[in-house]
Amino acid sequence: SVRSRHNEAIRRQLAEGAQGVRAAIATIVTGLADRHGLHCTLPAEEA
């Protein structure tokens, strides 16, 4: 990640990877809520 300081292409690719992880976590949070009848105090993306 430190390499992204001087390389915009790496920064963009790392940002895309992080967005993919956040999307997966949001899906997991939503799935847990749905499966167990819970309500998340934040929107899934913020959580």
All heavy atoms as atom14 arrays in JSON, in Angstrom:
{
  "sequence": "SVRSRHNEAIRRQLAEGAQGVRAAIATIVTGLADRHGLHCTLPAEEA",
  "atom14_mask": [
    [1, 1, 1, 1, 1, 1, 0, 0, 0, 0, 0, 0, 0, 0],
    [1, 1, 1, 1, 1, 1, 1, 0, 0, 0, 0, 0, 0, 0],
    [1, 1, 1, 1, 1, 1, 1, 1, 1, 1, 1, 0, 0, 0],
    [1, 1, 1, 1, 1, 1, 0, 0, 0, 0, 0, 0, 0, 0],
    [1, 1, 1, 1, 1, 1, 1, 1, 1, 1, 1, 0, 0, 0],
    [1, 1, 1, 1, 1, 1, 1, 1, 1, 1, 0, 0, 0, 0],
    [1, 1, 1, 1, 1, 1, 1, 1, 0, 0, 0, 0, 0, 0],
    [1, 1, 1, 1, 1, 1, 1, 1, 1, 0, 0, 0, 0, 0],
    [1, 1, 1, 1, 1, 0, 0, 0, 0, 0, 0, 0, 0, 0],
    [1, 1, 1, 1, 1, 1, 1, 1, 0, 0, 0, 0, 0, 0],
    [1, 1, 1, 1, 1, 1, 1, 1, 1, 1, 1, 0, 0, 0],
    [1, 1, 1, 1, 1, 1, 1, 1, 1, 1, 1, 0, 0, 0],
    [1, 1, 1, 1, 1, 1, 1, 1, 1, 0, 0, 0, 0, 0],
    [1, 1, 1, 1, 1, 1, 1, 1, 0, 0, 0, 0, 0, 0],
    [1, 1, 1, 1, 1, 0, 0, 0, 0, 0, 0, 0, 0, 0],
    [1, 1, 1, 1, 1, 1, 1, 1, 1, 0, 0, 0, 0, 0],
    [1, 1, 1, 1, 0, 0, 0, 0, 0, 0, 0, 0, 0, 0],
    [1, 1, 1, 1, 1, 0, 0, 0, 0, 0, 0, 0, 0, 0],
    [1, 1, 1, 1, 1, 1, 1, 1, 1, 0, 0, 0, 0, 0],
    [1, 1, 1, 1, 0, 0, 0, 0, 0, 0, 0, 0, 0, 0],
    [1, 1, 1, 1, 1, 1, 1, 0, 0, 0, 0, 0, 0, 0],
    [1, 1, 1, 1, 1, 1, 1, 1, 1, 1, 1, 0, 0, 0],
    [1, 1, 1, 1, 1, 0, 0, 0, 0, 0, 0, 0, 0, 0],
    [1, 1, 1, 1, 1, 0, 0, 0, 0, 0, 0, 0, 0, 0],
    [1, 1, 1, 1, 1, 1, 1, 1, 0, 0, 0, 0, 0, 0],
    [1, 1, 1, 1, 1, 0, 0, 0, 0, 0, 0, 0, 0, 0],
    [1, 1, 1, 1, 1, 1, 1, 0, 0, 0, 0, 0, 0, 0],
    [1, 1, 1, 1, 1, 1, 1, 1, 0, 0, 0, 0, 0, 0],
    [1, 1, 1, 1, 1, 1, 1, 0, 0, 0, 0, 0, 0, 0],
    [1, 1, 1, 1, 1, 1, 1, 0, 0, 0, 0, 0, 0, 0],
    [1, 1, 1, 1, 0, 0, 0, 0, 0, 0, 0, 0, 0, 0],
    [1, 1, 1, 1, 1, 1, 1, 1, 0, 0, 0, 0, 0, 0],
    [1, 1, 1, 1, 1, 0, 0, 0, 0, 0, 0, 0, 0, 0],
    [1, 1, 1, 1, 1, 1, 1, 1, 0, 0, 0, 0, 0, 0],
    [1, 1, 1, 1, 1, 1, 1, 1, 1, 1, 1, 0, 0, 0],
    [1, 1, 1, 1, 1, 1, 1, 1, 1, 1, 0, 0, 0, 0],
    [1, 1, 1, 1, 0, 0, 0, 0, 0, 0, 0, 0, 0, 0],
    [1, 1, 1, 1, 1, 1, 1, 1, 0, 0, 0, 0, 0, 0],
    [1, 1, 1, 1, 1, 1, 1, 1, 1, 1, 0, 0, 0, 0],
    [1, 1, 1, 1, 1, 1, 0, 0, 0, 0, 0, 0, 0, 0],
    [1, 1, 1, 1, 1, 1, 1, 0, 0, 0, 0, 0, 0, 0],
    [1, 1, 1, 1, 1, 1, 1, 1, 0, 0, 0, 0, 0, 0],
    [1, 1, 1, 1, 1, 1, 1, 0, 0, 0, 0, 0, 0, 0],
    [1, 1, 1, 1, 1, 0, 0, 0, 0, 0, 0, 0, 0, 0],
    [1, 1, 1, 1, 1, 1, 1, 1, 1, 0, 0, 0, 0, 0],
    [1, 1, 1, 1, 1, 1, 1, 1, 1, 0, 0, 0, 0, 0],
    [1, 1, 1, 1, 1, 0, 0, 0, 0, 0, 0, 0, 0, 0]
  ],
  "atom14_positions": [
    [[0.82, -1.21, 0.0], [0.0, 0.0, 0.0], [0.85, 1.26, 0.0], [0.47, 2.27, -0.6], [-0.94, 0.01, 1.21], [-1.88, -1.03, 1.09], [0.0, 0.0, 0.0], [0.0, 0.0, 0.0], [0.0, 0.0, 0.0], [0.0, 0.0, 0.0], [0.0, 0.0, 0.0], [0.0, 0.0, 0.0], [0.0, 0.0, 0.0], [0.0, 0.0, 0.0]],
    [[2.0, 1.21, 0.66], [2.89, 2.37, 0.69], [3.35, 2.73, -0.73], [3.56, 3.9, -1.05], [4.09, 2.11, 1.63], [5.18, 3.17, 1.49], [3.61, 2.03, 3.07], [0.0, 0.0, 0.0], [0.0, 0.0, 0.0], [0.0, 0.0, 0.0], [0.0, 0.0, 0.0], [0.0, 0.0, 0.0], [0.0, 0.0, 0.0], [0.0, 0.0, 0.0]],
    [[3.44, 1.74, -1.6], [3.83, 2.01, -3.0], [2.84, 2.93, -3.7], [3.2, 3.61, -4.65], [3.96, 0.7, -3.78], [5.09, -0.17, -3.31], [5.27, -1.4, -4.19], [5.37, -1.14, -5.61], [6.39, -0.57, -6.23], [7.44, -0.17, -5.54], [6.38, -0.39, -7.54], [0.0, 0.0, 0.0], [0.0, 0.0, 0.0], [0.0, 0.0, 0.0]],
    [[1.6, 2.97, -3.22], [0.6, 3.8, -3.88], [0.87, 5.29, -3.69], [0.29, 6.12, -4.39], [-0.81, 3.45, -3.37], [-1.0, 3.89, -2.05], [0.0, 0.0, 0.0], [0.0, 0.0, 0.0], [0.0, 0.0, 0.0], [0.0, 0.0, 0.0], [0.0, 0.0, 0.0], [0.0, 0.0, 0.0], [0.0, 0.0, 0.0], [0.0, 0.0, 0.0]],
    [[1.74, 5.62, -2.77], [2.07, 7.03, -2.54], [2.61, 7.68, -3.81], [2.35, 8.86, -4.07], [3.1, 7.14, -1.42], [3.52, 8.55, -1.13], [4.48, 8.61, 0.03], [4.74, 10.0, 0.38], [5.41, 10.37, 1.43], [5.86, 9.46, 2.27], [5.62, 11.63, 1.67], [0.0, 0.0, 0.0], [0.0, 0.0, 0.0], [0.0, 0.0, 0.0]],
    [[3.35, 6.94, -4.59], [3.97, 7.48, -5.8], [3.47, 6.8, -7.08], [4.06, 6.98, -8.13], [5.49, 7.34, -5.72], [6.08, 8.03, -4.54], [6.11, 9.39, -4.4], [6.64, 7.53, -3.41], [6.67, 9.72, -3.24], [6.99, 8.6, -2.62], [0.0, 0.0, 0.0], [0.0, 0.0, 0.0], [0.0, 0.0, 0.0], [0.0, 0.0, 0.0]],
    [[2.39, 6.04, -6.96], [1.9, 5.32, -8.14], [0.37, 5.34, -8.13], [-0.26, 4.56, -7.41], [2.45, 3.88, -8.12], [2.17, 3.15, -9.4], [1.1, 3.27, -9.98], [3.14, 2.35, -9.82], [0.0, 0.0, 0.0], [0.0, 0.0, 0.0], [0.0, 0.0, 0.0], [0.0, 0.0, 0.0], [0.0, 0.0, 0.0], [0.0, 0.0, 0.0]],
    [[-0.19, 6.2, -8.95], [-1.64, 6.37, -8.99], [-2.36, 5.1, -9.46], [-3.45, 4.78, -8.99], [-2.01, 7.56, -9.89], [-3.48, 7.83, -10.01], [-4.17, 8.18, -8.69], [-3.5, 8.58, -7.72], [-5.41, 8.03, -8.62], [0.0, 0.0, 0.0], [0.0, 0.0, 0.0], [0.0, 0.0, 0.0], [0.0, 0.0, 0.0], [0.0, 0.0, 0.0]],
    [[-1.74, 4.35, -10.35], [-2.38, 3.12, -10.84], [-2.52, 2.11, -9.7], [-3.55, 1.46, -9.56], [-1.57, 2.52, -11.99], [0.0, 0.0, 0.0], [0.0, 0.0, 0.0], [0.0, 0.0, 0.0], [0.0, 0.0, 0.0], [0.0, 0.0, 0.0], [0.0, 0.0, 0.0], [0.0, 0.0, 0.0], [0.0, 0.0, 0.0], [0.0, 0.0, 0.0]],
    [[-1.49, 1.98, -8.87], [-1.56, 1.07, -7.73], [-2.63, 1.56, -6.75], [-3.41, 0.77, -6.23], [-0.19, 0.93, -7.03], [0.78, 0.16, -7.93], [-0.32, 0.24, -5.68], [2.2, 0.1, -7.4], [0.0, 0.0, 0.0], [0.0, 0.0, 0.0], [0.0, 0.0, 0.0], [0.0, 0.0, 0.0], [0.0, 0.0, 0.0], [0.0, 0.0, 0.0]],
    [[-2.67, 2.87, -6.5], [-3.66, 3.41, -5.58], [-5.08, 3.07, -6.06], [-5.91, 2.61, -5.28], [-3.51, 4.93, -5.42], [-4.42, 5.48, -4.31], [-4.8, 6.93, -4.53], [-5.51, 7.2, -5.76], [-6.8, 6.89, -5.99], [-7.51, 6.29, -5.08], [-7.36, 7.17, -7.15], [0.0, 0.0, 0.0], [0.0, 0.0, 0.0], [0.0, 0.0, 0.0]],
    [[-5.33, 3.26, -7.35], [-6.66, 2.96, -7.91], [-6.99, 1.47, -7.76], [-8.1, 1.11, -7.38], [-6.73, 3.36, -9.38], [-7.09, 4.8, -9.62], [-7.46, 5.08, -11.08], [-6.57, 4.45, -12.06], [-5.44, 4.99, -12.5], [-5.04, 6.15, -12.07], [-4.7, 4.35, -13.38], [0.0, 0.0, 0.0], [0.0, 0.0, 0.0], [0.0, 0.0, 0.0]],
    [[-6.03, 0.62, -8.05], [-6.28, -0.82, -7.96], [-6.5, -1.26, -6.51], [-7.36, -2.1, -6.24], [-5.14, -1.59, -8.61], [-5.15, -1.43, -10.12], [-3.95, -2.06, -10.77], [-2.81, -1.82, -10.37], [-4.19, -2.87, -11.8], [0.0, 0.0, 0.0], [0.0, 0.0, 0.0], [0.0, 0.0, 0.0], [0.0, 0.0, 0.0], [0.0, 0.0, 0.0]],
    [[-5.75, -0.68, -5.59], [-5.96, -0.99, -4.18], [-7.33, -0.49, -3.72], [-8.03, -1.17, -2.96], [-4.86, -0.38, -3.32], [-3.49, -1.06, -3.41], [-2.43, -0.23, -2.71], [-3.55, -2.46, -2.84], [0.0, 0.0, 0.0], [0.0, 0.0, 0.0], [0.0, 0.0, 0.0], [0.0, 0.0, 0.0], [0.0, 0.0, 0.0], [0.0, 0.0, 0.0]],
    [[-7.73, 0.69, -4.22], [-9.05, 1.23, -3.87], [-10.16, 0.32, -4.4], [-11.15, 0.07, -3.72], [-9.2, 2.65, -4.41], [0.0, 0.0, 0.0], [0.0, 0.0, 0.0], [0.0, 0.0, 0.0], [0.0, 0.0, 0.0], [0.0, 0.0, 0.0], [0.0, 0.0, 0.0], [0.0, 0.0, 0.0], [0.0, 0.0, 0.0], [0.0, 0.0, 0.0]],
    [[-9.99, -0.2, -5.6], [-10.97, -1.13, -6.16], [-11.04, -2.41, -5.33], [-12.13, -2.94, -5.08], [-10.62, -1.47, -7.62], [-10.86, -0.34, -8.59], [-10.3, -0.63, -9.97], [-9.93, -1.79, -10.27], [-10.21, 0.33, -10.77], [0.0, 0.0, 0.0], [0.0, 0.0, 0.0], [0.0, 0.0, 0.0], [0.0, 0.0, 0.0], [0.0, 0.0, 0.0]],
    [[-9.89, -2.91, -4.92], [-9.87, -4.11, -4.07], [-10.56, -3.88, -2.75], [-11.35, -4.71, -2.28], [0.0, 0.0, 0.0], [0.0, 0.0, 0.0], [0.0, 0.0, 0.0], [0.0, 0.0, 0.0], [0.0, 0.0, 0.0], [0.0, 0.0, 0.0], [0.0, 0.0, 0.0], [0.0, 0.0, 0.0], [0.0, 0.0, 0.0], [0.0, 0.0, 0.0]],
    [[-10.31, -2.71, -2.15], [-10.95, -2.37, -0.87], [-12.46, -2.23, -1.06], [-13.25, -2.65, -0.2], [-10.36, -1.09, -0.3], [0.0, 0.0, 0.0], [0.0, 0.0, 0.0], [0.0, 0.0, 0.0], [0.0, 0.0, 0.0], [0.0, 0.0, 0.0], [0.0, 0.0, 0.0], [0.0, 0.0, 0.0], [0.0, 0.0, 0.0], [0.0, 0.0, 0.0]],
    [[-12.88, -1.67, -2.19], [-14.32, -1.55, -2.45], [-14.96, -2.93, -2.57], [-16.06, -3.16, -2.07], [-14.58, -0.73, -3.72], [-16.04, -0.66, -4.12], [-16.95, -0.16, -3.0], [-16.6, 0.76, -2.27], [-18.1, -0.77, -2.84], [0.0, 0.0, 0.0], [0.0, 0.0, 0.0], [0.0, 0.0, 0.0], [0.0, 0.0, 0.0], [0.0, 0.0, 0.0]],
    [[-14.26, -3.86, -3.18], [-14.77, -5.23, -3.28], [-14.91, -5.88, -1.91], [-15.9, -6.57, -1.65], [0.0, 0.0, 0.0], [0.0, 0.0, 0.0], [0.0, 0.0, 0.0], [0.0, 0.0, 0.0], [0.0, 0.0, 0.0], [0.0, 0.0, 0.0], [0.0, 0.0, 0.0], [0.0, 0.0, 0.0], [0.0, 0.0, 0.0], [0.0, 0.0, 0.0]],
    [[-13.95, -5.64, -1.04], [-14.02, -6.2, 0.32], [-15.18, -5.56, 1.07], [-15.95, -6.24, 1.75], [-12.68, -6.02, 1.07], [-12.82, -6.39, 2.54], [-11.59, -6.84, 0.41], [0.0, 0.0, 0.0], [0.0, 0.0, 0.0], [0.0, 0.0, 0.0], [0.0, 0.0, 0.0], [0.0, 0.0, 0.0], [0.0, 0.0, 0.0], [0.0, 0.0, 0.0]],
    [[-15.32, -4.23, 0.96], [-16.45, -3.55, 1.63], [-17.78, -4.08, 1.13], [-18.71, -4.3, 1.92], [-16.37, -2.03, 1.45], [-15.31, -1.38, 2.31], [-15.43, 0.13, 2.33], [-15.37, 0.73, 1.01], [-14.25, 1.06, 0.37], [-13.07, 0.83, 0.94], [-14.3, 1.62, -0.82], [0.0, 0.0, 0.0], [0.0, 0.0, 0.0], [0.0, 0.0, 0.0]],
    [[-17.89, -4.32, -0.17], [-19.14, -4.87, -0.72], [-19.41, -6.26, -0.16], [-20.56, -6.59, 0.18], [-19.06, -4.9, -2.25], [0.0, 0.0, 0.0], [0.0, 0.0, 0.0], [0.0, 0.0, 0.0], [0.0, 0.0, 0.0], [0.0, 0.0, 0.0], [0.0, 0.0, 0.0], [0.0, 0.0, 0.0], [0.0, 0.0, 0.0], [0.0, 0.0, 0.0]],
    [[-18.37, -7.07, -0.04], [-18.54, -8.42, 0.53], [-18.97, -8.34, 1.99], [-19.86, -9.08, 2.43], [-17.25, -9.22, 0.39], [0.0, 0.0, 0.0], [0.0, 0.0, 0.0], [0.0, 0.0, 0.0], [0.0, 0.0, 0.0], [0.0, 0.0, 0.0], [0.0, 0.0, 0.0], [0.0, 0.0, 0.0], [0.0, 0.0, 0.0], [0.0, 0.0, 0.0]],
    [[-18.36, -7.43, 2.75], [-18.73, -7.27, 4.16], [-20.16, -6.78, 4.28], [-20.92, -7.26, 5.13], [-17.75, -6.33, 4.89], [-16.35, -6.96, 4.95], [-18.25, -6.01, 6.3], [-15.26, -6.01, 5.43], [0.0, 0.0, 0.0], [0.0, 0.0, 0.0], [0.0, 0.0, 0.0], [0.0, 0.0, 0.0], [0.0, 0.0, 0.0], [0.0, 0.0, 0.0]],
    [[-20.57, -5.84, 3.42], [-21.95, -5.35, 3.44], [-22.92, -6.49, 3.18], [-23.98, -6.59, 3.82], [-22.13, -4.23, 2.41], [0.0, 0.0, 0.0], [0.0, 0.0, 0.0], [0.0, 0.0, 0.0], [0.0, 0.0, 0.0], [0.0, 0.0, 0.0], [0.0, 0.0, 0.0], [0.0, 0.0, 0.0], [0.0, 0.0, 0.0], [0.0, 0.0, 0.0]],
    [[-22.58, -7.37, 2.25], [-23.43, -8.53, 1.96], [-23.5, -9.46, 3.18], [-24.57, -9.99, 3.5], [-22.88, -9.29, 0.73], [-22.9, -8.39, -0.38], [-23.71, -10.52, 0.42], [0.0, 0.0, 0.0], [0.0, 0.0, 0.0], [0.0, 0.0, 0.0], [0.0, 0.0, 0.0], [0.0, 0.0, 0.0], [0.0, 0.0, 0.0], [0.0, 0.0, 0.0]],
    [[-22.38, -9.64, 3.86], [-22.36, -10.48, 5.06], [-23.23, -9.87, 6.15], [-24.02, -10.57, 6.8], [-20.91, -10.68, 5.55], [-20.13, -11.57, 4.55], [-20.87, -11.27, 6.96], [-18.63, -11.56, 4.75], [0.0, 0.0, 0.0], [0.0, 0.0, 0.0], [0.0, 0.0, 0.0], [0.0, 0.0, 0.0], [0.0, 0.0, 0.0], [0.0, 0.0, 0.0]],
    [[-23.11, -8.56, 6.35], [-23.91, -7.87, 7.37], [-25.39, -8.0, 7.05], [-26.21, -8.34, 7.91], [-23.49, -6.38, 7.48], [-24.49, -5.57, 8.28], [-22.09, -6.28, 8.11], [0.0, 0.0, 0.0], [0.0, 0.0, 0.0], [0.0, 0.0, 0.0], [0.0, 0.0, 0.0], [0.0, 0.0, 0.0], [0.0, 0.0, 0.0], [0.0, 0.0, 0.0]],
    [[-25.75, -7.77, 5.79], [-27.14, -7.89, 5.37], [-27.64, -9.32, 5.54], [-28.76, -9.54, 6.01], [-27.3, -7.44, 3.9], [-26.85, -6.08, 3.8], [-28.73, -7.54, 3.43], [0.0, 0.0, 0.0], [0.0, 0.0, 0.0], [0.0, 0.0, 0.0], [0.0, 0.0, 0.0], [0.0, 0.0, 0.0], [0.0, 0.0, 0.0], [0.0, 0.0, 0.0]],
    [[-26.8, -10.28, 5.2], [-27.19, -11.68, 5.35], [-27.42, -12.07, 6.8], [-28.39, -12.78, 7.11], [0.0, 0.0, 0.0], [0.0, 0.0, 0.0], [0.0, 0.0, 0.0], [0.0, 0.0, 0.0], [0.0, 0.0, 0.0], [0.0, 0.0, 0.0], [0.0, 0.0, 0.0], [0.0, 0.0, 0.0], [0.0, 0.0, 0.0], [0.0, 0.0, 0.0]],
    [[-26.55, -11.61, 7.68], [-26.74, -11.88, 9.12], [-28.04, -11.25, 9.61], [-28.8, -11.88, 10.36], [-25.57, -11.33, 9.93], [-24.39, -12.23, 10.17], [-23.27, -11.47, 10.88], [-24.77, -13.47, 10.96], [0.0, 0.0, 0.0], [0.0, 0.0, 0.0], [0.0, 0.0, 0.0], [0.0, 0.0, 0.0], [0.0, 0.0, 0.0], [0.0, 0.0, 0.0]],
    [[-28.28, -10.02, 9.21], [-29.5, -9.33, 9.64], [-30.74, -10.08, 9.15], [-31.67, -10.34, 9.93], [-29.51, -7.9, 9.12], [0.0, 0.0, 0.0], [0.0, 0.0, 0.0], [0.0, 0.0, 0.0], [0.0, 0.0, 0.0], [0.0, 0.0, 0.0], [0.0, 0.0, 0.0], [0.0, 0.0, 0.0], [0.0, 0.0, 0.0], [0.0, 0.0, 0.0]],
    [[-30.75, -10.44, 7.89], [-31.9, -11.15, 7.32], [-32.09, -12.52, 7.97], [-33.21, -12.91, 8.29], [-31.74, -11.31, 5.8], [-31.82, -9.99, 5.06], [-32.25, -8.97, 5.66], [-31.42, -9.96, 3.87], [0.0, 0.0, 0.0], [0.0, 0.0, 0.0], [0.0, 0.0, 0.0], [0.0, 0.0, 0.0], [0.0, 0.0, 0.0], [0.0, 0.0, 0.0]],
    [[-31.02, -13.24, 8.13], [-31.09, -14.6, 8.66], [-31.58, -14.65, 10.1], [-32.27, -15.59, 10.49], [-29.7, -15.23, 8.56], [-29.63, -16.67, 8.99], [-28.26, -17.2, 8.69], [-28.08, -18.51, 9.27], [-26.93, -19.09, 9.43], [-25.84, -18.49, 9.04], [-26.84, -20.29, 9.97], [0.0, 0.0, 0.0], [0.0, 0.0, 0.0], [0.0, 0.0, 0.0]],
    [[-31.21, -13.63, 10.89], [-31.54, -13.66, 12.31], [-32.54, -12.59, 12.73], [-32.74, -12.36, 13.92], [-30.26, -13.54, 13.14], [-29.3, -14.67, 12.91], [-29.54, -15.95, 13.37], [-28.13, -14.73, 12.23], [-28.55, -16.73, 13.0], [-27.68, -16.02, 12.31], [0.0, 0.0, 0.0], [0.0, 0.0, 0.0], [0.0, 0.0, 0.0], [0.0, 0.0, 0.0]],
    [[-33.17, -11.95, 11.75], [-34.2, -10.95, 12.06], [-33.66, -9.75, 12.81], [-34.32, -9.23, 13.72], [0.0, 0.0, 0.0], [0.0, 0.0, 0.0], [0.0, 0.0, 0.0], [0.0, 0.0, 0.0], [0.0, 0.0, 0.0], [0.0, 0.0, 0.0], [0.0, 0.0, 0.0], [0.0, 0.0, 0.0], [0.0, 0.0, 0.0], [0.0, 0.0, 0.0]],
    [[-32.48, -9.28, 12.43], [-31.84, -8.15, 13.11], [-31.94, -6.89, 12.26], [-32.18, -6.95, 11.06], [-30.37, -8.46, 13.37], [-30.05, -9.67, 14.23], [-28.56, -9.95, 14.21], [-30.54, -9.45, 15.65], [0.0, 0.0, 0.0], [0.0, 0.0, 0.0], [0.0, 0.0, 0.0], [0.0, 0.0, 0.0], [0.0, 0.0, 0.0], [0.0, 0.0, 0.0]],
    [[-31.7, -5.77, 12.91], [-31.63, -4.48, 12.21], [-30.27, -3.86, 12.51], [-29.9, -3.71, 13.67], [-32.75, -3.54, 12.67], [-32.6, -2.16, 12.11], [-32.86, -1.85, 10.8], [-32.17, -1.01, 12.7], [-32.6, -0.58, 10.59], [-32.19, -0.04, 11.73], [0.0, 0.0, 0.0], [0.0, 0.0, 0.0], [0.0, 0.0, 0.0], [0.0, 0.0, 0.0]],
    [[-29.54, -3.52, 11.47], [-28.24, -2.88, 11.64], [-28.46, -1.39, 11.89], [-29.27, -0.75, 11.21], [-27.37, -3.1, 10.41], [-25.66, -2.57, 10.63], [0.0, 0.0, 0.0], [0.0, 0.0, 0.0], [0.0, 0.0, 0.0], [0.0, 0.0, 0.0], [0.0, 0.0, 0.0], [0.0, 0.0, 0.0], [0.0, 0.0, 0.0], [0.0, 0.0, 0.0]],
    [[-27.74, -0.83, 12.86], [-27.92, 0.58, 13.22], [-27.34, 1.53, 12.18], [-27.61, 2.72, 12.22], [-27.27, 0.88, 14.59], [-25.88, 0.54, 14.52], [-27.95, 0.08, 15.69], [0.0, 0.0, 0.0], [0.0, 0.0, 0.0], [0.0, 0.0, 0.0], [0.0, 0.0, 0.0], [0.0, 0.0, 0.0], [0.0, 0.0, 0.0], [0.0, 0.0, 0.0]],
    [[-26.56, 1.02, 11.24], [-26.01, 1.8, 10.13], [-26.41, 1.12, 8.82], [-26.64, -0.09, 8.8], [-24.48, 1.83, 10.19], [-23.79, 2.58, 11.32], [-22.27, 2.37, 11.24], [-24.12, 4.06, 11.24], [0.0, 0.0, 0.0], [0.0, 0.0, 0.0], [0.0, 0.0, 0.0], [0.0, 0.0, 0.0], [0.0, 0.0, 0.0], [0.0, 0.0, 0.0]],
    [[-26.47, 1.88, 7.73], [-26.63, 1.2, 6.44], [-25.49, 0.2, 6.25], [-24.37, 0.42, 6.73], [-26.53, 2.35, 5.43], [-26.91, 3.59, 6.2], [-26.41, 3.34, 7.6], [0.0, 0.0, 0.0], [0.0, 0.0, 0.0], [0.0, 0.0, 0.0], [0.0, 0.0, 0.0], [0.0, 0.0, 0.0], [0.0, 0.0, 0.0], [0.0, 0.0, 0.0]],
    [[-25.77, -0.89, 5.57], [-24.78, -1.98, 5.43], [-23.45, -1.49, 4.88], [-22.39, -1.93, 5.32], [-25.35, -3.08, 4.55], [0.0, 0.0, 0.0], [0.0, 0.0, 0.0], [0.0, 0.0, 0.0], [0.0, 0.0, 0.0], [0.0, 0.0, 0.0], [0.0, 0.0, 0.0], [0.0, 0.0, 0.0], [0.0, 0.0, 0.0], [0.0, 0.0, 0.0]],
    [[-23.48, -0.55, 3.94], [-22.24, -0.05, 3.34], [-21.4, 0.71, 4.38], [-20.18, 0.59, 4.42], [-22.53, 0.85, 2.14], [-23.16, 0.13, 0.97], [-24.64, -0.18, 1.16], [-25.31, 0.44, 2.03], [-25.13, -1.07, 0.45], [0.0, 0.0, 0.0], [0.0, 0.0, 0.0], [0.0, 0.0, 0.0], [0.0, 0.0, 0.0], [0.0, 0.0, 0.0]],
    [[-22.07, 1.5, 5.23], [-21.34, 2.22, 6.28], [-20.82, 1.26, 7.34], [-19.71, 1.42, 7.86], [-22.23, 3.28, 6.93], [-22.51, 4.47, 6.03], [-23.39, 5.51, 6.71], [-23.29, 5.69, 7.94], [-24.19, 6.14, 5.99], [0.0, 0.0, 0.0], [0.0, 0.0, 0.0], [0.0, 0.0, 0.0], [0.0, 0.0, 0.0], [0.0, 0.0, 0.0]],
    [[-21.62, 0.27, 7.68], [-21.18, -0.74, 8.63], [-19.95, -1.46, 8.09], [-18.99, -1.73, 8.83], [-22.3, -1.73, 8.92], [0.0, 0.0, 0.0], [0.0, 0.0, 0.0], [0.0, 0.0, 0.0], [0.0, 0.0, 0.0], [0.0, 0.0, 0.0], [0.0, 0.0, 0.0], [0.0, 0.0, 0.0], [0.0, 0.0, 0.0], [0.0, 0.0, 0.0]]
  ]
}
